[in-house]
Protein backbone atom coordinates (compact mmCIF):
# COMPACT_ATOMS: atom_id res chain seq x y z
CA MET A 1 12.32 -15.42 27.46
CA GLY A 2 13.40 -16.11 31.18
CA ASP A 3 12.47 -16.89 34.50
CA TYR A 4 8.88 -15.67 34.75
CA ASN A 5 8.65 -17.37 38.87
CA ALA A 6 5.28 -18.55 37.73
CA GLU A 7 4.66 -22.25 36.93
CA LEU A 8 2.58 -22.96 33.63
CA GLU A 9 0.10 -26.05 32.76
CA SER A 10 2.55 -28.16 30.86
CA GLU A 11 1.69 -31.13 28.05
CA HIS A 12 3.84 -33.77 29.94
CA GLY A 13 1.97 -34.79 32.77
CA ILE A 14 3.74 -32.75 35.92
CA PHE A 15 2.29 -31.07 38.68
CA SER A 16 2.23 -27.60 38.46
CA LEU A 17 0.78 -25.02 40.77
CA ILE A 18 -1.55 -22.32 39.18
CA ASP A 19 -1.60 -19.03 41.04
CA SER A 20 -2.49 -15.25 40.33
CA ARG A 21 0.96 -14.70 38.65
CA SER A 22 0.41 -17.94 36.60
CA LYS A 23 -3.35 -16.76 35.39
CA LEU A 24 -1.79 -13.26 34.34
CA ILE A 25 0.78 -15.16 32.61
CA MET A 26 -1.48 -17.60 30.49
CA ASP A 27 -4.32 -14.64 29.92
CA PHE A 28 -1.64 -12.46 28.47
CA MET A 29 -0.40 -15.36 26.12
CA SER A 30 -4.08 -16.16 24.90
CA ASN A 31 -4.73 -12.27 24.00
CA TYR A 32 -2.02 -12.42 21.70
CA ASP A 33 -1.30 -15.53 20.67
CA MET A 34 1.69 -16.70 22.12
CA LEU A 35 2.59 -20.04 23.80
CA ALA A 36 5.41 -21.42 25.93
CA ILE A 37 7.44 -23.85 23.69
CA ASN A 38 8.90 -25.94 26.31
CA THR A 39 5.76 -26.63 27.72
CA LYS A 40 4.70 -28.59 24.63
CA ALA A 41 5.23 -32.31 23.84
CA VAL A 42 7.49 -31.64 21.38
CA CYS A 43 10.06 -30.07 23.80
CA SER A 44 12.55 -32.97 24.65
CA GLY A 45 15.16 -33.35 27.64
CA ALA A 46 14.03 -32.76 31.32
CA LYS A 47 10.66 -31.80 32.33
CA PHE A 48 11.96 -28.89 35.39
CA THR A 49 13.55 -25.96 34.72
CA ASN A 50 14.47 -25.33 38.17
CA VAL A 51 15.99 -27.60 41.27
CA PRO A 52 16.38 -26.21 44.33
CA TYR A 53 19.57 -26.62 46.46
CA ASN A 54 17.37 -28.22 49.47
CA CYS A 55 15.97 -30.70 46.91
CA ASP A 56 12.98 -29.52 47.36
CA ARG A 57 10.35 -29.87 44.66
CA GLU A 58 12.00 -29.31 41.17
CA THR A 59 9.19 -26.93 39.06
CA LEU A 60 8.96 -25.57 35.39
CA ILE A 61 9.26 -21.81 35.93
CA ASP A 62 11.32 -20.93 32.85
CA PHE A 63 10.00 -20.44 29.57
CA ILE A 64 10.68 -19.36 26.18
CA ILE A 65 7.30 -17.92 25.07
CA MET A 66 6.84 -17.20 21.24
CA SER A 67 3.78 -16.11 18.92
CA GLU A 68 1.67 -19.24 17.47
CA GLY A 69 3.34 -18.55 13.87
CA PHE A 70 6.93 -18.43 14.90
CA SER A 71 6.38 -22.01 16.65
CA LYS A 72 5.34 -23.95 13.05
CA ASN A 73 9.13 -22.78 11.94
CA MET A 74 10.96 -24.15 15.54
CA VAL A 75 13.51 -26.58 14.55
CA ASN A 76 14.45 -27.88 18.01
CA CYS A 77 13.54 -27.48 21.63
CA LYS A 78 15.04 -28.92 24.63
CA ILE A 79 15.75 -28.61 28.41
CA LEU A 80 19.33 -29.51 29.15
CA GLU A 81 19.89 -32.21 32.37
CA ASP A 82 22.24 -30.43 34.81
CA ASN A 83 25.95 -30.75 34.79
CA ALA A 84 28.58 -30.26 37.30
CA LEU A 85 29.57 -26.92 34.93
CA ASN A 86 26.15 -25.49 36.11
CA VAL A 87 26.30 -23.86 39.17
CA SER A 88 22.90 -22.16 38.91
CA THR A 89 20.00 -23.73 40.12
CA HIS A 90 17.92 -23.18 36.72
CA ARG A 91 18.41 -25.47 33.88
CA PRO A 92 19.32 -24.25 30.36
CA VAL A 93 16.97 -24.17 28.04
CA ILE A 94 17.59 -24.39 24.02
CA CYS A 95 15.26 -23.65 21.32
CA THR A 96 16.00 -23.02 17.22
CA VAL A 97 13.56 -21.13 15.49
CA VAL A 98 13.94 -20.99 11.55
CA MET A 99 12.65 -17.15 10.98
CA PRO A 100 10.73 -16.71 7.82
CA SER A 101 11.69 -13.69 5.56
CA ALA A 102 9.40 -10.91 5.72
CA TYR A 103 9.73 -10.31 1.94
CA SER A 104 10.18 -12.35 -1.00
CA PRO A 105 13.77 -12.54 -2.95
CA GLN A 106 14.53 -9.97 -5.58
CA THR A 107 14.52 -11.85 -9.04
CA ASN A 108 15.34 -10.52 -12.44
CA ASN A 109 12.22 -10.88 -13.63
CA SER A 110 10.59 -8.47 -11.00
CA PRO A 111 9.10 -5.11 -12.59
CA LYS A 112 10.22 -1.87 -12.70
CA THR A 113 8.53 0.55 -10.39
CA ASP A 114 5.52 2.45 -11.77
CA ILE A 115 6.12 5.07 -9.23
CA ILE A 116 6.33 9.00 -10.59
CA ASN A 117 7.04 11.84 -8.24
CA TRP A 118 5.19 14.54 -10.12
CA LYS A 119 6.87 16.81 -7.93
CA ASN A 120 10.35 16.48 -9.14
CA VAL A 121 9.44 16.62 -12.85
CA THR A 122 10.35 18.98 -15.13
CA GLN A 123 8.74 21.51 -17.70
CA ASN A 124 10.97 19.88 -20.36
CA GLN A 125 9.85 16.59 -19.52
CA LEU A 126 6.16 17.42 -19.27
CA ASN A 127 6.83 19.40 -22.71
CA ALA A 128 8.43 16.13 -24.11
CA TYR A 129 5.45 14.34 -22.98
CA LYS A 130 2.62 16.54 -24.18
CA CYS A 131 4.33 16.59 -27.76
CA PHE A 132 4.95 12.77 -27.93
CA LEU A 133 0.83 12.81 -27.61
CA GLU A 134 -0.16 15.29 -29.66
CA ASN A 135 1.92 13.66 -32.44
CA SER A 136 0.37 10.20 -31.60
CA GLU A 137 -0.86 8.59 -35.05
CA LEU A 138 -2.65 6.16 -32.84
CA LEU A 139 -4.61 8.99 -30.91
CA LEU A 140 -5.41 10.63 -34.16
CA GLN A 141 -6.73 7.57 -35.47
CA LEU A 142 -9.15 7.13 -32.71
CA ALA A 143 -10.28 10.85 -32.43
CA SER A 144 -11.46 9.90 -36.23
CA SER A 145 -12.81 6.51 -35.78
CA ASP A 146 -16.46 5.48 -35.20
CA ILE A 147 -17.47 3.22 -32.13
CA ILE A 148 -20.55 1.47 -32.83
CA SER A 149 -20.46 -1.41 -30.38
CA THR A 150 -19.32 -2.41 -26.75
CA ARG A 151 -16.65 -4.52 -27.81
CA GLU A 152 -15.13 -1.16 -29.54
CA ILE A 153 -15.84 1.12 -26.26
CA ASP A 154 -13.20 -1.65 -24.68
CA GLN A 155 -10.95 -1.68 -27.55
CA LEU A 156 -11.14 2.19 -27.29
CA TYR A 157 -9.96 2.13 -23.71
CA ASP A 158 -7.14 -0.14 -23.76
CA LYS A 159 -5.65 2.30 -26.62
CA ILE A 160 -5.85 5.09 -24.46
CA VAL A 161 -4.14 3.74 -21.61
CA SER A 162 -1.75 1.90 -24.17
CA VAL A 163 -0.67 5.03 -25.86
CA ILE A 164 -0.40 6.83 -22.41
CA ASN A 165 1.48 4.50 -20.76
CA THR A 166 4.20 4.72 -23.53
CA ALA A 167 4.46 8.39 -23.51
CA SER A 168 4.99 8.23 -19.85
CA GLU A 169 7.77 5.71 -20.27
CA ALA A 170 9.15 7.96 -23.21
CA CYS A 171 9.07 11.00 -21.32
CA ILE A 172 8.67 11.01 -17.48
CA PRO A 173 11.42 9.25 -15.32
CA ARG A 174 10.64 6.83 -12.66
CA VAL A 175 11.85 6.47 -8.68
CA GLY A 176 12.58 3.55 -7.11
CA TYR A 177 11.10 2.14 -3.83
CA LYS A 178 12.28 3.73 -0.88
CA PRO A 179 11.10 2.14 2.47
CA TYR A 180 11.24 5.13 4.43
CA ILE A 181 12.78 8.73 3.56
CA LYS A 182 14.27 11.68 5.17
CA PRO A 183 11.59 14.07 5.03
CA TYR A 184 14.37 17.37 4.79
CA TRP A 185 16.13 15.82 1.74
CA ASN A 186 16.21 18.13 -1.17
CA ARG A 187 17.71 18.20 -4.77
CA ASN A 188 20.58 20.32 -3.32
CA LEU A 189 21.92 17.48 -0.85
CA SER A 190 21.30 14.69 -3.46
CA GLU A 191 23.87 16.79 -5.68
CA LEU A 192 26.19 17.28 -2.68
CA HIS A 193 26.18 14.06 -1.66
CA ASN A 194 26.71 12.44 -5.53
CA ASP A 195 29.61 15.14 -5.91
CA MET A 196 31.05 13.80 -2.30
CA LYS A 197 30.74 9.77 -3.50
CA THR A 198 32.38 11.08 -7.24
CA LYS A 199 35.02 12.66 -4.90
CA ARG A 200 35.81 9.79 -2.81
CA THR A 201 35.70 7.45 -5.72
CA ASN A 202 38.23 9.30 -7.61
CA TRP A 203 40.31 9.30 -3.95
CA MET A 204 40.15 5.66 -3.68
CA LYS A 205 41.16 4.95 -7.13
CA GLU A 206 44.59 7.05 -6.00
CA ASN A 207 45.07 4.63 -3.21
CA GLN A 208 44.00 6.72 -0.81
CA PRO A 209 46.84 9.86 -0.42
CA ARG A 210 46.42 11.83 2.73
CA GLY A 211 47.69 15.26 3.27
CA ASN A 212 47.23 18.65 2.25
CA THR A 213 49.62 17.60 -0.67
CA ALA A 214 47.01 15.27 -2.21
CA SER A 215 44.57 16.67 -4.43
CA SER A 216 42.05 14.28 -4.50
CA TYR A 217 42.17 13.87 -0.75
CA LYS A 218 41.76 17.69 -0.23
CA SER A 219 38.63 17.65 -2.70
CA TYR A 220 37.39 15.04 -1.02
CA LYS A 221 37.51 16.79 2.17
CA ASP A 222 36.28 19.62 0.96
CA SER A 223 32.97 18.37 -0.57
CA LYS A 224 32.33 15.96 2.20
CA SER A 225 32.60 19.09 4.32
CA LYS A 226 30.34 21.48 2.12
CA PHE A 227 27.52 18.44 2.44
CA ARG A 228 27.57 18.34 5.91
CA SER A 229 27.32 21.23 6.31
CA ALA A 230 24.28 21.87 4.15
CA HIS A 231 22.82 18.41 5.81
CA ARG A 232 23.06 20.05 9.13
CA ILE A 233 21.63 23.05 8.02
CA CYS A 234 18.49 21.45 6.47
CA VAL A 235 17.78 19.23 9.59
CA MET A 236 17.87 22.53 11.75
CA LYS A 237 15.40 24.21 9.46
CA TYR A 238 13.34 20.77 9.27
CA MET A 239 13.18 20.53 13.30
CA GLN A 240 12.32 24.78 13.61
CA GLU A 241 9.28 23.96 10.93
CA GLN A 242 8.25 21.06 12.76
CA GLU A 243 8.65 22.63 16.31
CA HIS A 244 6.67 25.99 15.05
CA GLU A 245 3.72 23.63 13.44
CA ILE A 246 3.36 22.28 17.21
CA ASP A 247 3.43 25.52 19.06
CA VAL A 248 0.76 26.63 16.53
CA ALA A 249 -1.15 23.87 17.17
CA ALA A 250 -1.01 23.55 20.89
CA GLU A 251 -2.32 27.45 21.00
CA ILE A 252 -5.19 26.23 18.14
CA ASP A 253 -6.55 22.89 18.32
CA SER A 254 -5.43 20.71 21.29
CA CYS A 255 -6.44 17.48 18.84
CA GLU A 256 -4.04 18.30 16.34
CA PHE A 257 -1.71 19.09 19.25
CA TRP A 258 -1.28 15.82 20.40
CA LYS A 259 -1.56 13.92 16.40
CA LEU A 260 1.78 15.72 16.01
CA ILE A 261 2.85 14.57 19.49
CA ASN A 262 2.11 10.81 18.97
CA LYS A 263 3.16 10.81 15.52
CA ARG A 264 6.78 12.17 16.70
CA ARG A 265 7.14 9.62 19.69
CA ASN A 266 9.74 7.28 18.95
CA LYS A 267 8.09 3.78 17.65
CA PRO A 268 9.94 0.34 17.67
CA LYS A 269 11.46 -0.17 14.57
CA ARG A 270 10.29 -3.75 14.15
CA ILE A 271 9.34 -5.60 11.64
CA SER A 272 6.24 -7.76 12.31
CA SER A 273 6.12 -11.92 10.82
CA LEU A 274 4.70 -12.54 7.60
CA GLU A 275 1.95 -14.64 8.48
CA MET A 276 -2.13 -14.99 8.18
CA VAL A 277 -4.30 -17.19 9.33
CA PHE A 278 -7.04 -18.23 6.12
CA LYS A 279 -9.91 -20.79 7.11
CA ASP A 280 -7.75 -21.88 10.11
CA VAL A 281 -4.98 -22.62 8.21
CA ARG A 282 -1.71 -20.47 8.97
CA TYR A 283 0.47 -19.15 5.92
CA THR A 284 3.85 -17.59 5.86
CA ASP A 285 4.96 -17.82 2.39
CA PRO A 286 4.19 -14.38 0.52
CA GLN A 287 2.87 -15.68 -2.71
CA ALA A 288 0.59 -18.05 -1.20
CA ILE A 289 -0.61 -15.55 1.46
CA ASN A 290 -0.84 -13.30 -1.33
CA SER A 291 -3.05 -15.75 -3.52
CA CYS A 292 -5.42 -16.20 -0.21
CA TRP A 293 -6.40 -12.79 -0.15
CA ARG A 294 -7.30 -13.31 -3.54
CA ASP A 295 -9.79 -16.19 -2.60
CA TYR A 296 -10.97 -14.09 0.06
CA PHE A 297 -11.97 -10.98 -1.46
CA ALA A 298 -13.18 -12.88 -4.22
CA ASP A 299 -15.55 -14.82 -1.83
CA LEU A 300 -16.69 -11.89 -0.29
CA TYR A 301 -17.54 -9.69 -3.21
CA SER A 302 -19.36 -12.43 -5.09
CA PRO A 303 -23.12 -12.18 -4.85
CA THR A 304 -24.53 -14.20 -2.43
CA GLU A 305 -28.15 -16.75 -2.77
CA SER A 306 -29.79 -16.30 0.73
CA GLU A 307 -33.09 -18.32 1.15
CA GLY A 308 -34.21 -15.47 3.16
CA PHE A 309 -34.33 -13.03 -0.01
CA ASN A 310 -37.33 -11.74 -1.50
CA GLU A 311 -36.80 -13.22 -4.68
CA THR A 312 -39.86 -11.16 -6.36
CA TYR A 313 -38.53 -7.78 -5.14
CA ARG A 314 -35.06 -8.62 -6.81
CA GLN A 315 -37.32 -9.41 -10.38
CA THR A 316 -38.66 -6.52 -9.81
CA VAL A 317 -36.13 -4.13 -9.50
CA THR A 318 -33.98 -5.91 -12.21
CA SER A 319 -36.96 -5.21 -14.30
CA GLU A 320 -37.35 -1.77 -13.74
CA ILE A 321 -33.64 -0.99 -14.33
CA SER A 322 -34.11 -2.73 -17.28
CA SER A 323 -36.75 -1.03 -18.75
CA LEU A 324 -35.58 2.64 -17.28
CA ARG A 325 -32.36 2.08 -19.28
CA GLN A 326 -34.02 0.86 -22.73
CA ASN A 327 -36.34 4.00 -22.58
CA LEU A 328 -33.67 6.37 -22.05
CA ASN A 329 -31.80 5.24 -25.00
CA ASN A 330 -35.25 4.99 -27.44
CA LYS A 331 -36.25 8.18 -25.96
CA TYR A 332 -32.92 10.76 -26.37
CA GLY A 333 -30.91 8.57 -28.22
CA ASN A 334 -28.16 10.18 -29.78
CA ARG A 335 -28.74 13.53 -29.25
CA TYR A 336 -27.11 13.93 -25.32
CA ILE A 337 -23.16 14.01 -25.11
CA ILE A 338 -20.29 15.03 -22.69
CA GLU A 339 -18.85 18.07 -23.82
CA ARG A 340 -15.37 19.17 -23.37
CA ASP A 341 -15.99 22.11 -21.06
CA ILE A 342 -17.35 20.09 -18.28
CA VAL A 343 -14.62 17.35 -18.48
CA LEU A 344 -12.21 19.93 -17.99
CA LYS A 345 -14.00 21.25 -15.48
CA ALA A 346 -14.15 17.64 -13.51
CA LEU A 347 -10.64 17.14 -13.99
CA ASN A 348 -9.18 20.49 -12.43
CA SER A 349 -11.30 19.61 -9.47
CA CYS A 350 -9.02 16.31 -9.09
CA LYS A 351 -5.89 16.21 -6.47
CA LYS A 352 -2.55 15.64 -8.04
CA GLY A 353 -0.17 13.49 -6.55
CA LYS A 354 -3.18 10.48 -5.84
CA ALA A 355 -2.06 6.78 -6.35
CA CYS A 356 -2.67 5.67 -10.22
CA GLY A 357 -5.14 2.53 -10.70
CA ASN A 358 -4.34 -1.03 -12.42
CA ASP A 359 -3.95 1.10 -15.83
CA LYS A 360 -0.85 2.79 -14.24
CA ILE A 361 -2.11 6.29 -15.10
CA TYR A 362 -2.19 9.24 -12.87
CA TYR A 363 -4.51 12.14 -13.24
CA GLU A 364 -1.27 14.18 -14.49
CA ASN A 365 -0.97 12.02 -17.29
CA VAL A 366 -4.51 13.76 -18.17
CA ILE A 367 -3.47 16.95 -17.18
CA HIS A 368 -0.95 17.38 -19.16
CA GLY A 369 -1.78 15.64 -22.13
CA GLY A 370 -2.69 18.30 -24.53
CA GLU A 371 -6.10 18.34 -26.38
CA LEU A 372 -5.71 15.56 -28.59
CA LEU A 373 -5.71 13.40 -25.95
CA LEU A 374 -8.89 15.37 -24.05
CA SER A 375 -10.94 14.75 -27.09
CA VAL A 376 -10.51 11.05 -27.38
CA ILE A 377 -11.02 11.09 -23.83
CA VAL A 378 -14.30 12.82 -24.28
CA LYS A 379 -14.90 10.46 -26.93
CA LEU A 380 -14.79 7.66 -24.72
CA TYR A 381 -16.98 9.28 -22.12
CA ASN A 382 -19.80 9.88 -24.53
CA CYS A 383 -19.79 6.17 -26.03
CA MET A 384 -20.07 5.12 -22.41
CA LEU A 385 -22.80 7.34 -21.51
CA LYS A 386 -24.72 6.32 -24.39
CA SER A 387 -24.19 3.01 -24.12
CA SER A 388 -24.61 2.52 -20.39
CA HIS A 389 -21.41 0.41 -20.47
CA THR A 390 -17.77 0.86 -18.36
CA PRO A 391 -14.97 -1.41 -19.97
CA MET A 392 -14.15 -4.32 -17.77
CA GLU A 393 -10.46 -3.13 -18.00
CA MET A 394 -11.32 -0.28 -16.48
CA LYS A 395 -13.20 -1.53 -13.76
CA ARG A 396 -10.32 -3.44 -12.25
CA GLY A 397 -8.78 -1.98 -9.37
CA ILE A 398 -5.63 -2.81 -6.77
CA ILE A 399 -6.55 -4.13 -3.72
CA ILE A 400 -4.51 -2.51 -0.80
CA THR A 401 -5.22 -3.69 2.67
CA LEU A 402 -4.79 -1.44 6.07
CA PHE A 403 -4.63 -3.20 9.65
CA LYS A 404 -7.76 -1.49 11.50
CA GLY A 405 -5.34 -1.17 14.79
CA GLY A 406 -6.09 -1.41 18.44
CA ASN A 407 -5.52 -4.96 19.99
CA LYS A 408 -7.07 -7.16 16.74
CA LYS A 409 -5.01 -9.93 15.57
CA LYS A 410 -2.87 -9.44 12.77
CA THR A 411 -3.22 -12.94 11.77
CA ASP A 412 -7.27 -12.46 11.13
CA PRO A 413 -8.07 -11.14 7.75
CA ASN A 414 -11.27 -9.73 8.86
CA ASN A 415 -9.59 -6.92 11.43
CA TYR A 416 -8.07 -5.38 7.56
CA ARG A 417 -9.85 -2.89 5.77
CA ALA A 418 -9.58 -2.94 1.89
CA ILE A 419 -8.57 0.17 0.05
CA THR A 420 -9.20 -0.01 -3.85
CA LEU A 421 -6.67 2.04 -6.15
CA CYS A 422 -9.41 2.48 -9.15
CA SER A 423 -8.55 3.77 -12.41
CA ILE A 424 -8.74 7.63 -12.47
CA LEU A 425 -10.40 7.42 -16.03
CA LEU A 426 -13.34 5.83 -14.06
CA LYS A 427 -13.18 8.10 -11.37
CA LEU A 428 -12.85 10.93 -13.88
CA TYR A 429 -15.97 9.62 -15.18
CA GLU A 430 -18.11 9.51 -12.14
CA LYS A 431 -17.26 13.37 -11.89
CA VAL A 432 -18.16 14.09 -15.00
CA VAL A 433 -21.71 12.40 -14.40
CA LEU A 434 -21.99 13.67 -11.08
CA LEU A 435 -21.49 17.48 -12.86
CA LEU A 436 -23.99 16.67 -15.49
CA LEU A 437 -26.77 15.64 -12.57
CA ASN A 438 -26.12 18.47 -10.65
CA SER A 439 -25.86 21.25 -13.38
CA ASP A 440 -28.81 23.09 -14.58
CA ASP A 441 -29.31 21.16 -17.80
CA LYS A 442 -29.46 17.59 -16.56
CA LEU A 443 -28.09 16.34 -20.32
CA HIS A 444 -25.98 18.42 -22.19
CA LEU A 445 -28.07 17.67 -25.93
CA ASN A 446 -25.51 17.52 -29.20
CA PRO A 447 -26.66 20.28 -31.15
CA SER A 448 -25.92 18.63 -34.74
CA GLN A 449 -29.46 16.94 -33.43
CA GLY A 450 -30.85 20.27 -33.90
CA VAL A 451 -32.51 20.13 -30.53
CA SER A 452 -31.36 22.98 -27.89
CA SER A 453 -30.09 22.42 -24.54
CA VAL A 454 -33.14 21.88 -22.47
CA THR A 455 -33.70 20.67 -18.87
CA LEU A 456 -34.35 16.92 -18.72
CA ALA A 457 -35.60 14.75 -15.69
CA VAL A 458 -33.03 11.70 -15.09
C-alpha cells in the first residue's frame, strides 16, 4: 500500500490518465492475481486520494493492493474525506480484512501422529517389537491357515497390517510433528535442556532466590551455562561441516556448489494464504479445499470415454489379457511360488527412512519383524501371485501435492504435482515380482509338486 504516483482504471467512473507507469503496475497485478481495492465499487467515501494545494486536477494515485483471494475477506474499504487536521495532500485510505487461518484448529479428537524416527529407536525397543510379533497368536494362526478366495486374501492383508500396527504402537515410540528443527540438535542437547528446565522449575518454586547462597539458583545457573556451552559447540561444529561441504563442492561440482549456496540463502519467512480455485470457485476453508482436492483427483484418475477411441482395439486388448491370465492359471496351477530368500533379497534392497503409506507400515517394520512375520508376508505374496489379485486396501495411497514452482499461480490445482505414498508391502511385492522376471528362473516352481525349477517364458 502507498503512493504509487500512477493512476489506475477505477470503477467509480472517474477519468484516469494511463501512462507507462500505470501499465507497469497493471501488468504486475495481472501476473500475480492482485487488485487495487480502492479502485473497486465496494470502496466508499471520496473518489480521489490526492488533492493538490493549487486545487488542480484531483487524482487517484494511492492504492491498497492485495491478492484477489484476500479481497473476498474484505470487510470495509473507505477513502476518508479531507479535514483540518490533515496537512498532507493525500487522503487516508482504510481497509479492514479478516485474514483466514492457514491451519485448521486443533481439537481433542485430532489423531495422534504416526511418525516414527527410526534413528532414535533403541535396540531394546526393536527387540521388544520383534518379540511381540514372534509371540503373536494371530500371526501363528495366519501362518497355518488356508487361503482360497480373494476375499480371504484381503482379510489376510488386513490382519497383517493390524498386528504390525499393534506391535509398533506397543513397542515403538512416536514423535510429534515439528514445523522445523535445528539440524545440529542432538540427544545430548535435549538432555541438558531438560535438565536446565527442571532446575529452573525448582528455582521458581522456591520464589526465585538469588545469590550464590541459594543452592537452587546456583544449580540452575550452572545447568544453563553447561547447556549454552554445549549449544555453541554444536552450532560451531555444524557451521564448519557446512562450510567444508561447500568448499569441497566448489572444487568438484559447480552445480552442487550453487545448490548449496542457494539453499543457505535467507528466504522470506512468510506463510502464503490458504486459498485454492477449483472450477472457477475460490475456497479458503481447509476442509472445503481438502474435499475439492479429493474430487479433483477422483475426476483426474477416473477412466473417461472418448468418441475417437478405437473400441475394437480396446476389446481386443481386454480379451487377450483375460486369455493370458486364464492360460497361465490353467497351465501352471499351484506349481510356482515366491520363496523366502527372494523376498528377503528384495527387502534388503529397500531404502530405510522412507515414508509410510495409508496402512502406516514402514520398511523398518518388516525388516525388524522377525521370521514369523516374514513367513506370513511370503504367504500373502504367493496368494496374490497365484490369484492375480491385489487387496483393495493395499492399493490405497496418500496423495501429497507439491507446487511446481516458477511464476505459476499457486491457486490453480493444475500447477501442483501429485506424489502418492503407497503401501510399502505393495512396493515390496513389486520388487519381488521384478526380481522374478529378471532372474534366470522366471518362476520358482514348488518342489512339493514334484517339478524342478525350470526357465519359463512369461
